[in-house]
Amino acid sequence: MTDDLEATRLAERLKEHFEELYERCMKDMPICNPHLRVACVGFCPHGDFNLGIVLTPWFMNVCASPRAGAPKVEDRPGATRGLTLPTGNVDFLATDLDGFDRLLFASLFSPMDNFGDHAAALATAEAAMDALMKAPEPAPSPEPPRKETVAMDRRAFFRLGRRA
């Protein structure tokens, strides 16, 4: 299976899982934003993980799942684990979901009340994924030190460095 296909299949499985969870027990919960739907955004391989954003009516999280052949997440559920992403180090929580090996999640938003519609939430998820996968701009190099200039009065100028 190609790397991108593996990430795409993970996204599809996560979407199905959270859609079923929403229909089964979250739909009428006050924490849910009724204007949002479940979506998985930007899933792609990164190092030993497939990484992307899971958007639901009640949260938006970054998800990291070990790629095929990579070591499984052995951290106990609820344990914090840092992953180095292009943007820097991000803390994730180990999480168990039915039907998945242990996953890592990092919360971006919860609850989702500030999103007026699904398009705004999707745009935010896409922007967040872009930001996570973009290395920070290098700091501008400092200006070289300037040579100190000594103020010269007119008499010294006309002497042109000769001693008086």
N, C-alpha and C. Protein backbone atom coordinates (compact mmCIF):
# COMPACT_ATOMS: atom_id res chain seq x y z
N MET A 1 0.85 -1.17 0.00
CA MET A 1 0.00 0.00 0.00
C MET A 1 0.90 1.24 0.00
N THR A 2 0.57 2.20 -0.84
CA THR A 2 1.38 3.41 -0.88
C THR A 2 1.12 4.24 0.37
N ASP A 3 2.08 5.09 0.70
CA ASP A 3 1.97 5.92 1.90
C ASP A 3 0.72 6.78 1.89
N ASP A 4 0.45 7.44 0.76
CA ASP A 4 -0.72 8.31 0.69
C ASP A 4 -2.02 7.52 0.80
N LEU A 5 -2.05 6.33 0.21
CA LEU A 5 -3.25 5.49 0.28
C LEU A 5 -3.50 5.05 1.72
N GLU A 6 -2.45 4.72 2.43
CA GLU A 6 -2.58 4.33 3.84
C GLU A 6 -3.18 5.49 4.65
N ALA A 7 -2.69 6.70 4.43
CA ALA A 7 -3.20 7.88 5.15
C ALA A 7 -4.65 8.15 4.76
N THR A 8 -4.99 7.98 3.49
CA THR A 8 -6.36 8.20 3.02
C THR A 8 -7.31 7.19 3.65
N ARG A 9 -6.89 5.94 3.71
CA ARG A 9 -7.75 4.91 4.33
C ARG A 9 -7.95 5.17 5.82
N LEU A 10 -6.90 5.61 6.49
CA LEU A 10 -7.04 5.97 7.90
C LEU A 10 -8.08 7.08 8.05
N ALA A 11 -7.99 8.10 7.23
CA ALA A 11 -8.94 9.22 7.29
C ALA A 11 -10.37 8.73 7.07
N GLU A 12 -10.56 7.84 6.10
CA GLU A 12 -11.90 7.30 5.83
C GLU A 12 -12.43 6.52 7.03
N ARG A 13 -11.58 5.70 7.64
CA ARG A 13 -12.00 4.90 8.81
C ARG A 13 -12.34 5.80 10.00
N LEU A 14 -11.51 6.83 10.22
CA LEU A 14 -11.79 7.76 11.32
C LEU A 14 -13.10 8.51 11.08
N LYS A 15 -13.32 8.92 9.86
CA LYS A 15 -14.57 9.63 9.52
C LYS A 15 -15.77 8.73 9.80
N GLU A 16 -15.71 7.49 9.34
CA GLU A 16 -16.81 6.54 9.60
C GLU A 16 -17.02 6.34 11.10
N HIS A 17 -15.93 6.18 11.84
CA HIS A 17 -16.02 5.97 13.29
C HIS A 17 -16.74 7.13 13.97
N PHE A 18 -16.31 8.37 13.67
CA PHE A 18 -16.89 9.52 14.35
C PHE A 18 -18.29 9.86 13.84
N GLU A 19 -18.60 9.55 12.59
CA GLU A 19 -19.98 9.72 12.10
C GLU A 19 -20.91 8.77 12.86
N GLU A 20 -20.49 7.53 13.02
CA GLU A 20 -21.30 6.55 13.75
C GLU A 20 -21.45 6.96 15.21
N LEU A 21 -20.38 7.43 15.82
CA LEU A 21 -20.43 7.89 17.21
C LEU A 21 -21.38 9.09 17.35
N TYR A 22 -21.33 10.00 16.40
CA TYR A 22 -22.22 11.16 16.41
C TYR A 22 -23.68 10.71 16.35
N GLU A 23 -23.99 9.84 15.39
CA GLU A 23 -25.37 9.38 15.22
C GLU A 23 -25.85 8.58 16.44
N ARG A 24 -24.96 7.78 17.01
CA ARG A 24 -25.34 6.88 18.10
C ARG A 24 -25.51 7.62 19.43
N CYS A 25 -24.61 8.57 19.74
CA CYS A 25 -24.71 9.13 21.09
C CYS A 25 -24.37 10.61 21.25
N MET A 26 -23.93 11.29 20.22
CA MET A 26 -23.53 12.68 20.39
C MET A 26 -24.50 13.69 19.78
N LYS A 27 -25.31 13.24 18.86
CA LYS A 27 -26.16 14.13 18.05
C LYS A 27 -26.94 15.15 18.87
N ASP A 28 -27.52 14.75 19.96
CA ASP A 28 -28.38 15.63 20.75
C ASP A 28 -27.67 16.24 21.96
N MET A 29 -26.37 16.07 22.03
CA MET A 29 -25.62 16.62 23.16
C MET A 29 -25.42 18.12 22.96
N PRO A 30 -25.55 18.90 24.04
CA PRO A 30 -25.41 20.35 23.90
C PRO A 30 -24.00 20.80 23.50
N ILE A 31 -23.01 19.95 23.68
CA ILE A 31 -21.64 20.32 23.30
C ILE A 31 -21.46 20.35 21.78
N CYS A 32 -22.38 19.72 21.04
CA CYS A 32 -22.25 19.64 19.58
C CYS A 32 -22.77 20.90 18.89
N ASN A 33 -22.04 21.32 17.87
CA ASN A 33 -22.46 22.43 17.02
C ASN A 33 -23.28 21.82 15.87
N PRO A 34 -24.58 22.11 15.78
CA PRO A 34 -25.43 21.48 14.77
C PRO A 34 -25.10 21.88 13.33
N HIS A 35 -24.27 22.90 13.16
CA HIS A 35 -23.91 23.36 11.81
C HIS A 35 -22.71 22.61 11.24
N LEU A 36 -22.11 21.73 12.04
CA LEU A 36 -20.89 21.04 11.60
C LEU A 36 -21.15 19.57 11.34
N ARG A 37 -20.29 18.99 10.49
CA ARG A 37 -20.31 17.56 10.19
C ARG A 37 -18.93 16.99 10.48
N VAL A 38 -18.83 15.69 10.47
CA VAL A 38 -17.54 15.02 10.65
C VAL A 38 -16.75 15.11 9.35
N ALA A 39 -15.47 15.42 9.47
CA ALA A 39 -14.57 15.46 8.31
C ALA A 39 -13.16 15.14 8.79
N CYS A 40 -12.37 14.60 7.88
CA CYS A 40 -10.94 14.38 8.13
C CYS A 40 -10.18 15.17 7.08
N VAL A 41 -9.23 15.97 7.53
CA VAL A 41 -8.57 16.95 6.67
C VAL A 41 -7.06 16.73 6.64
N GLY A 42 -6.51 16.69 5.43
CA GLY A 42 -5.07 16.76 5.23
C GLY A 42 -4.25 15.56 5.65
N PHE A 43 -4.84 14.39 5.76
CA PHE A 43 -4.07 13.23 6.22
C PHE A 43 -2.95 12.91 5.24
N CYS A 44 -1.74 12.77 5.81
CA CYS A 44 -0.55 12.51 5.01
C CYS A 44 0.49 11.82 5.88
N PRO A 45 1.45 11.14 5.25
CA PRO A 45 2.53 10.53 6.03
C PRO A 45 3.50 11.59 6.53
N HIS A 46 3.97 11.39 7.76
CA HIS A 46 5.02 12.24 8.33
C HIS A 46 5.84 11.38 9.29
N GLY A 47 7.06 11.07 8.89
CA GLY A 47 7.90 10.21 9.73
C GLY A 47 7.24 8.85 9.91
N ASP A 48 7.14 8.40 11.15
CA ASP A 48 6.53 7.11 11.47
C ASP A 48 5.01 7.18 11.59
N PHE A 49 4.43 8.33 11.31
CA PHE A 49 2.99 8.52 11.54
C PHE A 49 2.26 8.99 10.30
N ASN A 50 0.96 8.67 10.26
CA ASN A 50 0.03 9.33 9.36
C ASN A 50 -0.62 10.40 10.22
N LEU A 51 -0.68 11.60 9.68
CA LEU A 51 -1.07 12.76 10.46
C LEU A 51 -2.16 13.53 9.72
N GLY A 52 -3.15 14.01 10.45
CA GLY A 52 -4.20 14.82 9.85
C GLY A 52 -5.08 15.40 10.93
N ILE A 53 -6.13 16.08 10.51
CA ILE A 53 -7.04 16.72 11.46
C ILE A 53 -8.41 16.07 11.37
N VAL A 54 -8.94 15.71 12.55
CA VAL A 54 -10.29 15.17 12.67
C VAL A 54 -11.18 16.31 13.15
N LEU A 55 -12.22 16.59 12.38
CA LEU A 55 -13.18 17.64 12.68
C LEU A 55 -14.52 16.97 12.98
N THR A 56 -15.08 17.27 14.13
CA THR A 56 -16.41 16.76 14.49
C THR A 56 -17.24 17.94 14.98
N PRO A 57 -18.55 17.74 15.19
CA PRO A 57 -19.35 18.83 15.75
C PRO A 57 -18.98 19.20 17.19
N TRP A 58 -18.13 18.39 17.84
CA TRP A 58 -17.77 18.68 19.23
C TRP A 58 -16.27 18.92 19.46
N PHE A 59 -15.41 18.63 18.48
CA PHE A 59 -13.98 18.94 18.64
C PHE A 59 -13.29 19.00 17.29
N MET A 60 -12.09 19.59 17.31
CA MET A 60 -11.16 19.55 16.17
C MET A 60 -9.80 19.19 16.77
N ASN A 61 -9.28 18.03 16.37
CA ASN A 61 -8.02 17.53 16.91
C ASN A 61 -7.07 17.14 15.79
N VAL A 62 -5.78 17.27 16.06
CA VAL A 62 -4.77 16.69 15.20
C VAL A 62 -4.66 15.23 15.62
N CYS A 63 -4.61 14.33 14.66
CA CYS A 63 -4.52 12.90 14.93
C CYS A 63 -3.23 12.36 14.32
N ALA A 64 -2.52 11.53 15.09
CA ALA A 64 -1.32 10.85 14.60
C ALA A 64 -1.51 9.36 14.84
N SER A 65 -1.33 8.58 13.79
CA SER A 65 -1.46 7.13 13.86
C SER A 65 -0.20 6.50 13.28
N PRO A 66 0.39 5.53 13.97
CA PRO A 66 1.61 4.91 13.43
C PRO A 66 1.36 4.31 12.05
N ARG A 67 2.31 4.54 11.16
CA ARG A 67 2.24 3.97 9.82
C ARG A 67 2.52 2.48 9.87
N ALA A 68 2.13 1.78 8.82
CA ALA A 68 2.39 0.34 8.72
C ALA A 68 3.89 0.10 8.86
N GLY A 69 4.25 -0.83 9.72
CA GLY A 69 5.66 -1.16 9.93
C GLY A 69 6.35 -0.31 10.98
N ALA A 70 5.73 0.77 11.40
CA ALA A 70 6.31 1.64 12.43
C ALA A 70 5.94 1.09 13.81
N PRO A 71 6.71 1.43 14.83
CA PRO A 71 6.36 0.97 16.18
C PRO A 71 4.98 1.49 16.59
N LYS A 72 4.23 0.64 17.29
CA LYS A 72 2.92 1.05 17.79
C LYS A 72 3.09 2.03 18.94
N VAL A 73 2.05 2.80 19.21
CA VAL A 73 2.06 3.70 20.36
C VAL A 73 1.88 2.84 21.60
N GLU A 74 2.89 2.83 22.46
CA GLU A 74 2.85 2.02 23.68
C GLU A 74 2.47 2.86 24.90
N ASP A 75 2.40 4.18 24.74
CA ASP A 75 2.05 5.04 25.87
C ASP A 75 0.67 4.64 26.40
N ARG A 76 0.51 4.72 27.71
CA ARG A 76 -0.81 4.39 28.28
C ARG A 76 -1.82 5.46 27.88
N PRO A 77 -3.09 5.11 27.76
CA PRO A 77 -4.10 6.11 27.40
C PRO A 77 -4.07 7.30 28.37
N GLY A 78 -4.10 8.49 27.82
CA GLY A 78 -4.04 9.71 28.62
C GLY A 78 -2.64 10.25 28.83
N ALA A 79 -1.62 9.45 28.49
CA ALA A 79 -0.24 9.91 28.64
C ALA A 79 0.09 10.93 27.55
N THR A 80 0.91 11.89 27.90
CA THR A 80 1.34 12.93 26.95
C THR A 80 2.60 12.47 26.24
N ARG A 81 2.63 12.73 24.95
CA ARG A 81 3.80 12.38 24.14
C ARG A 81 4.05 13.51 23.14
N GLY A 82 5.25 14.00 23.09
CA GLY A 82 5.60 15.05 22.14
C GLY A 82 6.01 14.46 20.80
N LEU A 83 5.53 15.05 19.74
CA LEU A 83 5.96 14.69 18.38
C LEU A 83 6.56 15.93 17.74
N THR A 84 7.65 15.72 17.03
CA THR A 84 8.27 16.83 16.33
C THR A 84 7.67 16.94 14.94
N LEU A 85 7.03 18.06 14.68
CA LEU A 85 6.44 18.36 13.38
C LEU A 85 7.26 19.48 12.75
N PRO A 86 7.08 19.73 11.47
CA PRO A 86 7.85 20.80 10.84
C PRO A 86 7.73 22.14 11.57
N THR A 87 6.57 22.42 12.14
CA THR A 87 6.37 23.69 12.84
C THR A 87 7.01 23.71 14.22
N GLY A 88 7.34 22.54 14.77
CA GLY A 88 7.94 22.45 16.11
C GLY A 88 7.37 21.26 16.86
N ASN A 89 7.65 21.20 18.15
CA ASN A 89 7.19 20.08 18.98
C ASN A 89 5.74 20.31 19.41
N VAL A 90 4.92 19.27 19.28
CA VAL A 90 3.50 19.34 19.65
C VAL A 90 3.21 18.20 20.62
N ASP A 91 2.52 18.50 21.73
CA ASP A 91 2.14 17.49 22.70
C ASP A 91 0.83 16.82 22.30
N PHE A 92 0.84 15.49 22.31
CA PHE A 92 -0.33 14.68 21.98
C PHE A 92 -0.69 13.83 23.20
N LEU A 93 -1.95 13.40 23.26
CA LEU A 93 -2.40 12.45 24.27
C LEU A 93 -2.67 11.11 23.61
N ALA A 94 -2.18 10.04 24.23
CA ALA A 94 -2.46 8.69 23.74
C ALA A 94 -3.94 8.39 23.99
N THR A 95 -4.60 7.80 22.99
CA THR A 95 -6.04 7.58 23.04
C THR A 95 -6.39 6.24 22.43
N ASP A 96 -7.34 5.55 23.05
CA ASP A 96 -7.86 4.31 22.49
C ASP A 96 -9.20 4.58 21.83
N LEU A 97 -9.37 4.10 20.60
CA LEU A 97 -10.64 4.14 19.89
C LEU A 97 -10.96 2.72 19.44
N ASP A 98 -12.21 2.31 19.57
CA ASP A 98 -12.60 0.98 19.11
C ASP A 98 -12.24 0.80 17.64
N GLY A 99 -11.59 -0.32 17.32
CA GLY A 99 -11.27 -0.65 15.94
C GLY A 99 -9.96 -0.07 15.44
N PHE A 100 -9.22 0.63 16.30
CA PHE A 100 -7.95 1.24 15.91
C PHE A 100 -6.86 0.83 16.90
N ASP A 101 -5.63 0.79 16.41
CA ASP A 101 -4.51 0.71 17.34
C ASP A 101 -4.49 2.04 18.10
N ARG A 102 -3.75 2.09 19.18
CA ARG A 102 -3.69 3.32 19.98
C ARG A 102 -3.26 4.50 19.10
N LEU A 103 -3.96 5.60 19.24
CA LEU A 103 -3.72 6.82 18.45
C LEU A 103 -3.23 7.93 19.37
N LEU A 104 -2.73 8.98 18.74
CA LEU A 104 -2.34 10.19 19.46
C LEU A 104 -3.21 11.34 18.96
N PHE A 105 -3.74 12.13 19.89
CA PHE A 105 -4.57 13.28 19.54
C PHE A 105 -4.05 14.53 20.25
N ALA A 106 -4.07 15.65 19.54
CA ALA A 106 -3.75 16.96 20.11
C ALA A 106 -4.94 17.88 19.84
N SER A 107 -5.50 18.44 20.88
CA SER A 107 -6.70 19.26 20.75
C SER A 107 -6.38 20.62 20.14
N LEU A 108 -7.20 21.01 19.18
CA LEU A 108 -7.13 22.36 18.60
C LEU A 108 -8.30 23.21 19.09
N PHE A 109 -9.52 22.67 19.03
CA PHE A 109 -10.71 23.39 19.47
C PHE A 109 -11.68 22.41 20.12
N SER A 110 -12.28 22.83 21.22
CA SER A 110 -13.38 22.11 21.84
C SER A 110 -13.91 22.99 22.96
N PRO A 111 -15.18 23.28 22.97
CA PRO A 111 -16.19 22.91 21.99
C PRO A 111 -16.04 23.72 20.70
N MET A 112 -16.95 23.49 19.78
CA MET A 112 -16.85 24.08 18.44
C MET A 112 -17.86 25.21 18.22
N ASP A 113 -18.30 25.83 19.29
CA ASP A 113 -19.33 26.87 19.23
C ASP A 113 -18.95 28.09 18.40
N ASN A 114 -17.67 28.38 18.27
CA ASN A 114 -17.26 29.60 17.56
C ASN A 114 -17.34 29.49 16.05
N PHE A 115 -17.67 28.32 15.54
CA PHE A 115 -17.76 28.13 14.09
C PHE A 115 -19.21 28.25 13.65
N GLY A 116 -19.47 29.23 12.78
CA GLY A 116 -20.84 29.48 12.32
C GLY A 116 -21.33 28.50 11.29
N ASP A 117 -20.40 27.89 10.55
CA ASP A 117 -20.80 26.91 9.54
C ASP A 117 -19.66 25.93 9.27
N HIS A 118 -20.00 24.88 8.55
CA HIS A 118 -19.04 23.81 8.27
C HIS A 118 -17.88 24.32 7.41
N ALA A 119 -18.16 25.21 6.47
CA ALA A 119 -17.10 25.74 5.59
C ALA A 119 -16.03 26.46 6.41
N ALA A 120 -16.44 27.23 7.41
CA ALA A 120 -15.48 27.95 8.26
C ALA A 120 -14.63 26.97 9.06
N ALA A 121 -15.25 25.92 9.58
CA ALA A 121 -14.50 24.92 10.34
C ALA A 121 -13.52 24.18 9.44
N LEU A 122 -13.96 23.83 8.23
CA LEU A 122 -13.06 23.16 7.27
C LEU A 122 -11.88 24.05 6.90
N ALA A 123 -12.15 25.32 6.65
CA ALA A 123 -11.07 26.26 6.30
C ALA A 123 -10.07 26.38 7.44
N THR A 124 -10.57 26.39 8.67
CA THR A 124 -9.68 26.46 9.83
C THR A 124 -8.85 25.20 9.95
N ALA A 125 -9.46 24.04 9.73
CA ALA A 125 -8.72 22.78 9.79
C ALA A 125 -7.63 22.74 8.72
N GLU A 126 -7.96 23.18 7.52
CA GLU A 126 -6.96 23.19 6.44
C GLU A 126 -5.81 24.14 6.76
N ALA A 127 -6.14 25.32 7.29
CA ALA A 127 -5.10 26.28 7.65
C ALA A 127 -4.23 25.74 8.79
N ALA A 128 -4.86 25.07 9.75
CA ALA A 128 -4.09 24.50 10.86
C ALA A 128 -3.15 23.41 10.37
N MET A 129 -3.63 22.57 9.46
CA MET A 129 -2.77 21.50 8.93
C MET A 129 -1.61 22.09 8.14
N ASP A 130 -1.90 23.11 7.34
CA ASP A 130 -0.83 23.79 6.59
C ASP A 130 0.21 24.36 7.54
N ALA A 131 -0.25 24.99 8.62
CA ALA A 131 0.67 25.61 9.58
C ALA A 131 1.51 24.55 10.29
N LEU A 132 0.90 23.42 10.64
CA LEU A 132 1.65 22.35 11.31
C LEU A 132 2.73 21.76 10.43
N MET A 133 2.47 21.69 9.13
CA MET A 133 3.41 21.03 8.23
C MET A 133 4.39 22.00 7.57
N LYS A 134 4.34 23.26 7.99
CA LYS A 134 5.25 24.26 7.42
C LYS A 134 6.31 24.61 8.45
N ALA A 135 7.56 24.52 8.03
CA ALA A 135 8.65 24.89 8.93
C ALA A 135 8.60 26.40 9.17
N PRO A 136 8.93 26.83 10.37
CA PRO A 136 8.92 28.27 10.62
C PRO A 136 9.96 28.99 9.77
N GLU A 137 9.65 30.22 9.45
CA GLU A 137 10.59 31.04 8.68
C GLU A 137 11.84 31.24 9.52
N PRO A 138 13.01 31.15 8.88
CA PRO A 138 14.23 31.39 9.66
C PRO A 138 14.27 32.85 10.13
N ALA A 139 14.84 33.02 11.30
CA ALA A 139 14.96 34.37 11.84
C ALA A 139 15.91 35.17 10.95
N PRO A 140 15.61 36.44 10.74
CA PRO A 140 16.51 37.23 9.91
C PRO A 140 17.89 37.30 10.55
N SER A 141 18.91 37.25 9.72
CA SER A 141 20.26 37.30 10.27
C SER A 141 20.52 38.71 10.78
N PRO A 142 21.24 38.79 11.88
CA PRO A 142 21.48 40.12 12.44
C PRO A 142 22.37 40.94 11.50
N GLU A 143 22.18 42.23 11.57
CA GLU A 143 23.00 43.12 10.74
C GLU A 143 24.44 43.05 11.24
N PRO A 144 25.40 43.13 10.31
CA PRO A 144 26.79 43.12 10.76
C PRO A 144 27.06 44.36 11.61
N PRO A 145 27.97 44.21 12.57
CA PRO A 145 28.25 45.37 13.42
C PRO A 145 28.79 46.53 12.58
N ARG A 146 28.35 47.68 12.92
CA ARG A 146 28.80 48.87 12.20
C ARG A 146 30.12 49.36 12.81
N LYS A 147 30.98 49.84 11.96
CA LYS A 147 32.22 50.43 12.45
C LYS A 147 31.86 51.73 13.16
N GLU A 148 32.50 51.90 14.28
CA GLU A 148 32.26 53.15 14.99
C GLU A 148 32.97 54.28 14.27
N THR A 149 32.27 55.34 14.09
CA THR A 149 32.90 56.51 13.47
C THR A 149 33.13 57.54 14.56
N VAL A 150 34.24 58.17 14.48
CA VAL A 150 34.57 59.21 15.44
C VAL A 150 34.25 60.54 14.79
N ALA A 151 33.53 61.33 15.51
CA ALA A 151 33.20 62.65 14.98
C ALA A 151 34.48 63.46 14.80
N MET A 152 34.58 64.12 13.69
CA MET A 152 35.79 64.90 13.38
C MET A 152 35.38 66.35 13.19
N ASP A 153 36.07 67.23 13.90
CA ASP A 153 35.74 68.63 13.69
C ASP A 153 36.45 69.14 12.44
N ARG A 154 36.12 70.34 12.01
CA ARG A 154 36.69 70.89 10.76
C ARG A 154 38.20 71.00 10.82
N ARG A 155 38.75 71.42 11.94
CA ARG A 155 40.20 71.57 12.03
C ARG A 155 40.89 70.23 11.85
N ALA A 156 40.35 69.19 12.51
CA ALA A 156 40.97 67.87 12.38
C ALA A 156 40.85 67.38 10.94
N PHE A 157 39.74 67.70 10.29
CA PHE A 157 39.57 67.28 8.90
C PHE A 157 40.66 67.88 8.01
N PHE A 158 40.91 69.18 8.19
CA PHE A 158 41.91 69.84 7.34
C PHE A 158 43.33 69.42 7.69
N ARG A 159 43.55 68.95 8.86
CA ARG A 159 44.88 68.44 9.18
C ARG A 159 45.07 67.07 8.54
N LEU A 160 43.97 66.39 8.16
CA LEU A 160 43.99 65.08 7.51
C LEU A 160 44.85 64.08 8.28
N GLY A 161 44.57 64.00 9.53
CA GLY A 161 45.24 63.01 10.33
C GLY A 161 46.59 63.44 10.86
N ARG A 162 47.14 64.62 10.44
CA ARG A 162 48.43 65.07 10.98
C ARG A 162 48.22 65.59 12.38
N ARG A 163 49.20 65.39 13.17
CA ARG A 163 49.11 65.87 14.55
C ARG A 163 49.33 67.37 14.59
N ALA A 164 48.68 67.99 15.50
CA ALA A 164 48.80 69.44 15.61
C ALA A 164 50.10 69.85 16.27
